[in-house]
Structures are given as structure tokens and as C-alpha cells.
Protein backbone atom coordinates (compact mmCIF):
# COMPACT_ATOMS: atom_id res chain seq x y z
CA MET A 1 -0.04 0.04 0.00
CA LEU A 2 0.94 3.55 -0.60
CA GLU A 3 2.58 5.42 2.43
CA ASN A 4 1.17 8.66 1.10
CA LEU A 5 -2.13 9.30 -0.58
CA LEU A 6 -2.82 11.71 -3.32
CA ILE A 7 -5.44 14.17 -2.51
CA GLY A 8 -5.01 17.11 -5.10
CA GLU A 9 -3.17 18.72 -7.84
CA VAL A 10 -2.34 22.40 -8.39
CA VAL A 11 -4.20 23.58 -11.66
CA SER A 12 -3.69 27.28 -11.27
CA VAL A 13 -2.90 30.27 -8.95
CA HIS A 14 -5.48 32.50 -7.24
CA GLY A 15 -5.00 36.06 -6.16
CA ILE A 16 -1.91 38.10 -5.46
CA ARG A 17 -1.04 36.48 -1.97
CA GLY A 18 0.21 33.17 -3.25
CA GLY A 19 -3.05 31.22 -3.23
CA LEU A 20 -3.10 27.71 -4.95
CA LYS A 21 -6.16 26.53 -6.96
CA VAL A 22 -6.29 22.91 -6.23
CA LYS A 23 -8.16 20.18 -8.15
CA ALA A 24 -9.42 17.70 -5.59
CA LEU A 25 -8.27 14.12 -6.21
CA THR A 26 -10.41 12.99 -3.34
CA ASP A 27 -14.05 11.90 -2.72
CA TYR A 28 -14.11 14.17 0.20
CA PRO A 29 -12.83 17.81 -0.87
CA GLU A 30 -14.12 19.26 2.36
CA ARG A 31 -11.05 17.45 4.06
CA PHE A 32 -8.83 20.38 2.79
CA LYS A 33 -10.42 22.64 5.56
CA ASN A 34 -9.15 20.05 8.21
CA THR A 35 -5.57 19.28 6.70
CA ALA A 36 -2.79 20.91 8.78
CA GLU A 37 0.06 20.03 6.39
CA VAL A 38 0.38 18.54 2.82
CA ASP A 39 3.27 16.95 1.09
CA VAL A 40 3.96 18.76 -2.17
CA LYS A 41 5.63 17.25 -5.16
CA LEU A 42 6.41 19.31 -8.20
CA PRO A 43 6.66 17.72 -11.70
CA SER A 44 9.97 15.99 -12.20
CA GLY A 45 10.58 18.25 -15.21
CA SER A 46 10.61 21.53 -12.98
CA ALA A 47 14.08 23.13 -12.59
CA ARG A 48 13.26 23.58 -8.73
CA SER A 49 11.43 20.31 -8.09
CA LYS A 50 13.96 19.08 -5.65
CA GLU A 51 14.17 22.33 -3.79
CA LEU A 52 10.37 22.86 -3.56
CA SER A 53 9.11 19.53 -3.03
CA HIS A 54 8.66 18.95 0.54
CA ARG A 55 5.88 19.31 3.38
CA TYR A 56 4.14 22.55 3.95
CA LYS A 57 1.81 23.97 6.50
CA VAL A 58 -1.68 24.85 5.43
CA CYS A 59 -2.30 28.39 6.54
CA TYR A 60 -5.84 28.70 4.88
CA ALA A 61 -8.32 26.56 2.86
CA SER A 62 -11.62 27.24 1.21
CA VAL A 63 -13.55 24.55 -0.95
CA ALA A 64 -16.00 24.98 -3.55
CA GLY A 65 -17.43 21.77 -5.19
CA ASN A 66 -14.30 19.96 -6.39
CA THR A 67 -11.96 22.85 -6.05
CA ALA A 68 -9.94 24.13 -3.14
CA ILE A 69 -7.95 27.41 -2.66
CA LEU A 70 -4.96 26.91 -0.40
CA LEU A 71 -2.49 29.20 1.20
CA LEU A 72 0.52 27.37 2.13
CA GLU A 73 3.36 28.73 4.47
CA GLY A 74 6.21 30.12 2.57
CA ILE A 75 4.21 30.71 -0.67
CA ASP A 76 3.53 34.51 -0.30
CA ASP A 77 3.03 36.01 -3.68
CA ARG A 78 1.59 35.16 -7.14
CA ASN A 79 5.19 34.78 -8.73
CA THR A 80 6.04 32.20 -6.22
CA ALA A 81 2.81 30.29 -6.59
CA GLU A 82 3.20 30.18 -10.28
CA LEU A 83 6.27 27.67 -9.57
CA TYR A 84 3.80 25.12 -8.28
CA ARG A 85 1.55 24.68 -11.10
CA GLY A 86 1.14 20.90 -11.86
CA ALA A 87 2.25 19.96 -8.46
CA THR A 88 0.64 17.08 -6.55
CA LEU A 89 -0.62 17.30 -2.91
CA SER A 90 -0.60 14.25 -0.67
CA VAL A 91 -0.97 13.26 2.98
CA PRO A 92 0.51 10.52 5.07
CA ARG A 93 -1.71 7.50 5.34
CA GLU A 94 -2.33 8.15 9.04
CA ALA A 95 -4.05 11.54 8.23
CA ALA A 96 -6.18 10.13 5.47
CA VAL A 97 -10.14 10.05 5.91
CA ALA A 98 -11.66 6.97 7.38
CA LEU A 99 -13.26 5.11 4.57
CA PRO A 100 -16.62 3.11 4.69
CA GLU A 101 -16.49 -0.68 4.60
CA ASP A 102 -15.68 -2.08 1.23
CA THR A 103 -14.18 1.28 -0.16
CA TYR A 104 -10.76 1.96 -1.10
CA PHE A 105 -8.38 4.70 -1.94
CA ILE A 106 -7.69 5.01 -5.68
CA GLY A 107 -3.98 5.16 -5.07
CA ASP A 108 -4.27 1.68 -3.44
CA LEU A 109 -6.05 0.13 -6.46
CA VAL A 110 -3.99 1.66 -9.33
CA GLY A 111 -1.25 -0.78 -9.97
CA SER A 112 -3.09 -3.88 -8.52
CA ASN A 113 -3.10 -7.14 -10.43
CA VAL A 114 -6.59 -8.04 -11.57
CA TYR A 115 -7.40 -11.76 -11.72
CA GLU A 116 -10.52 -13.27 -13.44
CA LEU A 117 -12.53 -16.03 -11.87
CA THR A 118 -13.38 -18.40 -14.58
CA ASP A 119 -16.19 -20.97 -14.44
CA ASN A 120 -13.51 -23.50 -13.17
CA ALA A 121 -12.46 -21.31 -10.32
CA ALA A 122 -13.36 -22.42 -6.70
CA LEU A 123 -16.22 -20.52 -5.34
CA PRO A 124 -15.71 -18.78 -1.86
CA ALA A 125 -17.76 -21.48 -0.09
CA GLU A 126 -15.31 -24.17 -1.27
CA ALA A 127 -12.53 -21.96 -0.07
CA ASP A 128 -13.77 -21.00 3.16
CA SER A 129 -12.32 -24.05 4.93
CA LYS A 130 -8.84 -23.46 3.58
CA PRO A 131 -6.31 -21.15 5.25
CA GLY A 132 -5.23 -17.86 3.86
CA PRO A 133 -7.34 -15.88 1.58
CA VAL A 134 -10.48 -16.91 0.05
CA TYR A 135 -9.07 -16.32 -3.53
CA GLU A 136 -5.38 -17.30 -4.43
CA ALA A 137 -3.95 -15.89 -7.63
CA HIS A 138 -2.38 -19.21 -8.83
CA ALA A 139 -5.38 -21.32 -7.97
CA PRO A 140 -6.95 -23.48 -10.73
CA GLY A 141 -9.38 -21.38 -12.73
CA VAL A 142 -7.92 -18.17 -11.73
CA GLU A 143 -6.30 -16.24 -14.75
CA LEU A 144 -4.30 -12.75 -14.74
CA LEU A 145 -6.43 -10.29 -16.53
CA GLY A 146 -4.01 -7.40 -16.25
CA LYS A 147 -3.33 -4.24 -14.01
CA VAL A 148 -5.56 -1.58 -12.82
CA PHE A 149 -4.13 1.70 -14.53
CA GLU A 150 -7.24 4.12 -13.40
CA VAL A 151 -10.20 4.33 -11.81
CA ILE A 152 -13.22 6.40 -13.03
CA PRO A 153 -16.15 7.60 -11.08
CA THR A 154 -19.34 7.06 -13.21
CA GLY A 155 -22.00 8.18 -10.90
CA SER A 156 -23.66 4.93 -9.70
CA ASN A 157 -20.35 3.00 -9.25
CA ASP A 158 -16.70 3.52 -10.33
CA ALA A 159 -15.19 1.56 -13.12
CA TYR A 160 -11.71 0.11 -13.06
CA GLY A 161 -9.55 0.53 -16.27
CA VAL A 162 -7.44 -2.46 -16.64
CA ARG A 163 -4.68 -2.98 -19.10
CA THR A 164 -4.06 -6.59 -20.13
CA PRO A 165 -0.64 -8.20 -20.77
CA ASP A 166 -0.98 -7.57 -24.49
CA LYS A 167 -1.80 -3.94 -23.88
CA GLN A 168 -5.57 -4.04 -24.41
CA ILE A 169 -8.06 -2.13 -22.36
CA ILE A 170 -11.12 -3.40 -20.41
CA TYR A 171 -13.21 -1.35 -18.08
CA ILE A 172 -14.76 -3.26 -15.26
CA PRO A 173 -17.76 -1.97 -13.19
CA ALA A 174 -16.88 -1.80 -9.50
CA ILE A 175 -20.00 -3.61 -8.28
CA ALA A 176 -20.26 -6.63 -5.67
CA SER A 177 -21.39 -9.01 -8.37
CA VAL A 178 -18.21 -8.44 -10.40
CA VAL A 179 -15.63 -7.37 -7.87
CA ARG A 180 -15.40 -10.39 -5.53
CA HIS A 181 -12.45 -9.73 -3.40
CA VAL A 182 -9.97 -6.84 -2.97
CA ASP A 183 -6.45 -7.20 -1.00
CA VAL A 184 -4.89 -3.96 -1.19
CA ARG A 185 -1.78 -5.17 0.88
CA ARG A 186 -1.14 -7.84 -1.70
CA GLY A 187 -2.26 -5.53 -4.55
CA GLU A 188 -4.73 -8.11 -5.80
CA ILE A 189 -8.26 -7.80 -7.20
CA PHE A 190 -10.42 -10.93 -8.00
CA VAL A 191 -13.36 -10.38 -10.44
CA LYS A 192 -16.02 -12.43 -12.02
CA LEU A 193 -16.80 -10.69 -15.24
CA LEU A 194 -20.34 -10.05 -16.67
CA PRO A 195 -21.21 -12.46 -19.51
CA GLY A 196 -20.09 -10.81 -22.76
CA LEU A 197 -18.02 -7.87 -21.22
CA LYS A 198 -14.72 -9.59 -21.99
CA GLU A 199 -15.64 -9.96 -25.44
CA VAL A 200 -16.87 -6.37 -26.12
CA TYR A 201 -13.60 -5.02 -24.87
CA LEU A 202 -11.10 -7.79 -26.05
CA GLY A 203 -12.77 -9.33 -29.07
CA GLY A 204 -10.93 -7.03 -31.34
CA ASP A 205 -8.03 -4.78 -31.49
CA THR A 206 -8.77 -2.42 -28.51
CA GLY A 207 -5.52 -1.65 -27.55
CA SER A 208 -4.95 1.05 -30.38
CA GLY A 209 -5.51 4.76 -29.60
CA VAL A 210 -6.07 4.13 -25.82
CA ASP A 211 -3.76 6.04 -23.71
CA GLY A 212 -2.70 5.04 -20.39
CA PRO A 213 0.47 3.56 -18.36
CA ASP A 214 2.09 0.55 -19.55
CA PRO A 215 2.51 -1.24 -16.23
CA ASP A 216 4.90 -4.28 -15.89
CA MET A 217 2.96 -7.40 -15.55
CA GLN A 218 3.94 -9.82 -12.87
């Protein structure tokens, strides 16, 4: 699991006092009002990335919708604030918002291996009597589908974007009937795909024209 959790990205500056306009990358934008410190990381291509990437005290925060305006200690004017465009903001895991049961931080899901439970896979009831996790990556009937490279909110539920070993893309609805088990510590997600879903995405050459990271398959 990640030690730090991403909560926002600086998209612009605000005012003349060094305000940062931040796009919230969390389901709880209001958390900025109760955040005492943030870890700031400038883009790697920035000339002063190493110098300016560190922990900052939050002096002021306001939130409107999915946008926050922050004043950070040491960033006192517009010219200085301009240096932080594109910077990401994160907090230590211990400062993260407590999540409801069966919900996960996006950063913990991205990069996870996704395994498909085929018709030959053991059902949970059959595995309950065995030690260890209910699902095992190398068990009979369990096949590697790919890695999560993005999580997209769709309103009613999220969708996991998964890149297969041959670089094709499939989007999986994050609903209980499909996502059967998530182990963020081991970076494993087990899914039972809806009939026809795999054929819709992987039946042809769906890998072309789709952008996304190319994670190493394990």
C-alpha cells in the first residue's frame, strides 16, 4: 500500500497572496479545511522540483465543489505560486479520511493485479475451509487479466480501467457481483466478469488509440 495518498493537484494560482487553486483528487474535498499539512511534489521536469518538493503547513483553505483554494506557508506571492503549477498534494496514510467498509483509496487500487475467476475457479464457499485468503492468484481457474491503470467515477459506481498483458483495455464495473475480493496489501483484485463484457472489449484490437500507463505485468 502507498505510504502517502494523493488528495489534489495544483491547476492554477489564485489572487496576489500566493493562493493555489487545487483540483481535489479525493471523494472528500471538504477534508482540505481540516488538513494541517500537505506534502507537495512538483513535476519532475521542474527546474526547482527538488528544492520546492517538501511538506508545507496549510495556513488557509476554502472549498467550492471539487476545487480548493489553499495558502501554504512560505508561498506568499503570485510569482512564487506560479512555480507550483502541476504540483501534486498528498498526505500520510495516518492523516487520511476514514473510509466506509468495502471502499478503497484510488492510489491503493491503481497498479493492482486483476485476476479473473473463470467458470472453473473455486467458489468462496469451497475455499472458506482453507487457510489464507479466500482467493488465490495461482489457484486453478484463476487467470491474470491485467493491471489497474485508472479508476473512473461513473455516478452509480466506479469503473476500473485494466490493461491486459497484450496492452488491450477493459473497463470493469466496481459492483459487488463483479468485484469479488480486494486485497490492497497484496495488490490483488479478483473479479467475476459479466457475460459478454470481455468479448466487447477484447474481442478485437482495442489496444490502439487508448492512452494509459504500460505497467509491468507480474
